[in-house]
Protein backbone atom coordinates (compact mmCIF):
# COMPACT_ATOMS: atom_id res chain seq x y z
CA ARG A 1 8.89 137.89 231.41
CA MET A 2 9.10 140.88 229.10
CA GLY A 3 9.78 138.89 226.01
CA TRP A 4 13.20 137.46 227.29
CA PRO A 5 14.05 133.96 226.19
CA VAL A 6 14.39 131.37 228.97
CA ILE A 7 17.35 129.06 228.88
CA ASP A 8 17.02 125.83 230.92
CA VAL A 9 20.49 125.40 232.43
CA THR A 10 19.56 122.14 234.29
CA ARG A 11 22.45 119.50 233.80
CA ARG A 12 24.31 121.87 231.40
CA SER A 13 27.87 123.07 231.64
CA ILE A 14 28.71 126.73 231.55
CA GLU A 15 30.17 126.24 228.11
CA GLU A 16 26.95 124.74 226.80
CA THR A 17 24.90 127.60 228.33
CA ALA A 18 27.28 130.18 226.89
CA ALA A 19 26.91 128.60 223.43
CA SER A 20 23.19 128.75 223.72
CA ILE A 21 23.28 132.40 224.64
CA ILE A 22 25.60 133.19 221.77
CA GLN A 23 23.29 131.32 219.43
CA LEU A 24 20.27 133.22 220.58
CA TYR A 25 22.14 136.47 220.34
CA ASN A 26 23.30 135.64 216.77
CA GLN A 27 19.71 134.82 215.76
CA HIS A 28 18.50 138.12 217.26
CA GLN A 29 21.24 140.01 215.24
CA SER A 30 20.08 138.43 211.95
CA PRO A 31 16.42 137.62 212.27
CA GLU A 32 16.13 136.73 208.50
CA ALA A 33 18.57 133.76 208.92
């Protein structure tokens, strides 16, 4: 999987999925947080 995070989108709305992606992105941008 080349180190990519996997997000389970089962029974999730697009808004919830987008929020998860944004959260992962923000964590990646500031790994010390």
